[in-house]
Amino acid sequence: MDIQEEEIGLENDFVDQLVNHVTLENLLDSLPPTSKELAHLVFIQELSYQEVAQILSIPEGTVKSRMYHLRKQLKKQLRKEVKH
């Protein structure tokens, strides 16, 4: 692989990451405030469930449960986005 091909590969990776970030941001914007905050802490700030539980002053099990339901909701919304 020459330098030009490598640069194109890096550019494509960057574009893919940007599209994924924009898609995630758009999905998060459609959430209610409490879900948006949870999603931001987990997906954007990449905090552990334990850290999120401490920040939100809720049990870690509640974070896990809310994330389970949030992921289901986001998958449903993403499927709608892809169909359009």
C-alpha atoms as a PDB file:
ATOM      1  CA  MET A   1       0.000   0.000   0.000  1.00  0.00           C
ATOM      2  CA  ASP A   2       1.417   3.366  -0.970  1.00  0.00           C
ATOM      3  CA  ILE A   3       1.098   6.605   0.979  1.00  0.00           C
ATOM      4  CA  GLN A   4      -1.839   7.879  -1.090  1.00  0.00           C
ATOM      5  CA  GLU A   5      -3.853   4.683  -0.500  1.00  0.00           C
ATOM      6  CA  GLU A   6      -3.040   4.885   3.210  1.00  0.00           C
ATOM      7  CA  GLU A   7      -4.229   8.504   3.369  1.00  0.00           C
ATOM      8  CA  ILE A   8      -7.487   7.575   1.598  1.00  0.00           C
ATOM      9  CA  GLY A   9      -7.990   4.753   4.101  1.00  0.00           C
ATOM     10  CA  LEU A  10      -7.488   7.134   7.017  1.00  0.00           C
ATOM     11  CA  GLU A  11      -9.863   9.645   5.408  1.00  0.00           C
ATOM     12  CA  ASN A  12     -12.535   6.963   5.004  1.00  0.00           C
ATOM     13  CA  ASP A  13     -12.102   5.897   8.632  1.00  0.00           C
ATOM     14  CA  PHE A  14     -12.494   9.503   9.741  1.00  0.00           C
ATOM     15  CA  VAL A  15     -15.640   9.970   7.634  1.00  0.00           C
ATOM     16  CA  ASP A  16     -17.118   6.735   9.004  1.00  0.00           C
ATOM     17  CA  GLN A  17     -16.416   7.840  12.567  1.00  0.00           C
ATOM     18  CA  LEU A  18     -17.905  11.262  11.878  1.00  0.00           C
ATOM     19  CA  VAL A  19     -21.073   9.763  10.381  1.00  0.00           C
ATOM     20  CA  ASN A  20     -21.401   7.424  13.366  1.00  0.00           C
ATOM     21  CA  HIS A  21     -20.914  10.331  15.779  1.00  0.00           C
ATOM     22  CA  VAL A  22     -23.455  12.524  13.964  1.00  0.00           C
ATOM     23  CA  THR A  23     -25.944   9.647  13.832  1.00  0.00           C
ATOM     24  CA  LEU A  24     -25.477   9.003  17.552  1.00  0.00           C
ATOM     25  CA  GLU A  25     -25.858  12.709  18.368  1.00  0.00           C
ATOM     26  CA  ASN A  26     -29.076  12.877  16.308  1.00  0.00           C
ATOM     27  CA  LEU A  27     -30.468   9.818  18.070  1.00  0.00           C
ATOM     28  CA  LEU A  28     -29.518  11.212  21.476  1.00  0.00           C
ATOM     29  CA  ASP A  29     -31.204  14.538  20.699  1.00  0.00           C
ATOM     30  CA  SER A  30     -34.519  12.723  20.304  1.00  0.00           C
ATOM     31  CA  LEU A  31     -34.343  11.228  23.812  1.00  0.00           C
ATOM     32  CA  PRO A  32     -35.987  12.565  26.975  1.00  0.00           C
ATOM     33  CA  PRO A  33     -33.543  14.529  29.171  1.00  0.00           C
ATOM     34  CA  THR A  34     -32.881  11.748  31.711  1.00  0.00           C
ATOM     35  CA  SER A  35     -32.173   9.185  28.984  1.00  0.00           C
ATOM     36  CA  LYS A  36     -30.058  11.700  27.089  1.00  0.00           C
ATOM     37  CA  GLU A  37     -27.923  12.330  30.171  1.00  0.00           C
ATOM     38  CA  LEU A  38     -27.426   8.605  30.740  1.00  0.00           C
ATOM     39  CA  ALA A  39     -26.551   7.987  27.090  1.00  0.00           C
ATOM     40  CA  HIS A  40     -24.119  10.912  27.058  1.00  0.00           C
ATOM     41  CA  LEU A  41     -22.288   9.600  30.111  1.00  0.00           C
ATOM     42  CA  VAL A  42     -22.034   6.056  28.723  1.00  0.00           C
ATOM     43  CA  PHE A  43     -21.601   6.582  24.962  1.00  0.00           C
ATOM     44  CA  ILE A  44     -19.898   9.967  24.701  1.00  0.00           C
ATOM     45  CA  GLN A  45     -17.875  10.181  27.922  1.00  0.00           C
ATOM     46  CA  GLU A  46     -17.363   6.397  27.952  1.00  0.00           C
ATOM     47  CA  LEU A  47     -17.815   6.113  31.719  1.00  0.00           C
ATOM     48  CA  SER A  48     -18.347   2.784  33.433  1.00  0.00           C
ATOM     49  CA  TYR A  49     -21.745   1.884  34.849  1.00  0.00           C
ATOM     50  CA  GLN A  50     -20.264   2.240  38.316  1.00  0.00           C
ATOM     51  CA  GLU A  51     -19.073   5.793  37.556  1.00  0.00           C
ATOM     52  CA  VAL A  52     -22.445   6.690  36.031  1.00  0.00           C
ATOM     53  CA  ALA A  53     -24.238   5.323  39.091  1.00  0.00           C
ATOM     54  CA  GLN A  54     -22.111   7.512  41.348  1.00  0.00           C
ATOM     55  CA  ILE A  55     -22.685  10.620  39.241  1.00  0.00           C
ATOM     56  CA  LEU A  56     -26.454  10.099  39.028  1.00  0.00           C
ATOM     57  CA  SER A  57     -26.740   8.865  42.643  1.00  0.00           C
ATOM     58  CA  ILE A  58     -28.560   5.697  41.606  1.00  0.00           C
ATOM     59  CA  PRO A  59     -27.718   2.006  42.053  1.00  0.00           C
ATOM     60  CA  GLU A  60     -25.514   0.399  39.412  1.00  0.00           C
ATOM     61  CA  GLY A  61     -28.287  -2.122  38.724  1.00  0.00           C
ATOM     62  CA  THR A  62     -30.590   0.763  37.793  1.00  0.00           C
ATOM     63  CA  VAL A  63     -27.983   2.042  35.334  1.00  0.00           C
ATOM     64  CA  LYS A  64     -27.785  -1.427  33.759  1.00  0.00           C
ATOM     65  CA  SER A  65     -31.556  -1.686  33.512  1.00  0.00           C
ATOM     66  CA  ARG A  66     -31.945   1.777  32.019  1.00  0.00           C
ATOM     67  CA  MET A  67     -29.151   1.105  29.527  1.00  0.00           C
ATOM     68  CA  TYR A  68     -30.827  -2.127  28.458  1.00  0.00           C
ATOM     69  CA  HIS A  69     -34.056  -0.267  27.688  1.00  0.00           C
ATOM     70  CA  LEU A  70     -32.196   2.675  26.164  1.00  0.00           C
ATOM     71  CA  ARG A  71     -30.284   0.413  23.771  1.00  0.00           C
ATOM     72  CA  LYS A  72     -33.548  -1.220  22.680  1.00  0.00           C
ATOM     73  CA  GLN A  73     -35.059   2.227  22.060  1.00  0.00           C
ATOM     74  CA  LEU A  74     -32.001   3.437  20.125  1.00  0.00           C
ATOM     75  CA  LYS A  75     -31.952   0.298  17.968  1.00  0.00           C
ATOM     76  CA  LYS A  76     -35.613   0.837  17.137  1.00  0.00           C
ATOM     77  CA  GLN A  77     -34.987   4.478  16.206  1.00  0.00           C
ATOM     78  CA  LEU A  78     -31.903   3.556  14.177  1.00  0.00           C
ATOM     79  CA  ARG A  79     -33.891   1.010  12.175  1.00  0.00           C
ATOM     80  CA  LYS A  80     -36.409   3.763  11.360  1.00  0.00           C
ATOM     81  CA  GLU A  81     -33.571   6.072  10.277  1.00  0.00           C
ATOM     82  CA  VAL A  82     -32.086   3.428   7.993  1.00  0.00           C
ATOM     83  CA  LYS A  83     -35.442   2.740   6.318  1.00  0.00           C
ATOM     84  CA  HIS A  84     -35.900   6.419   5.413  1.00  0.00           C
END
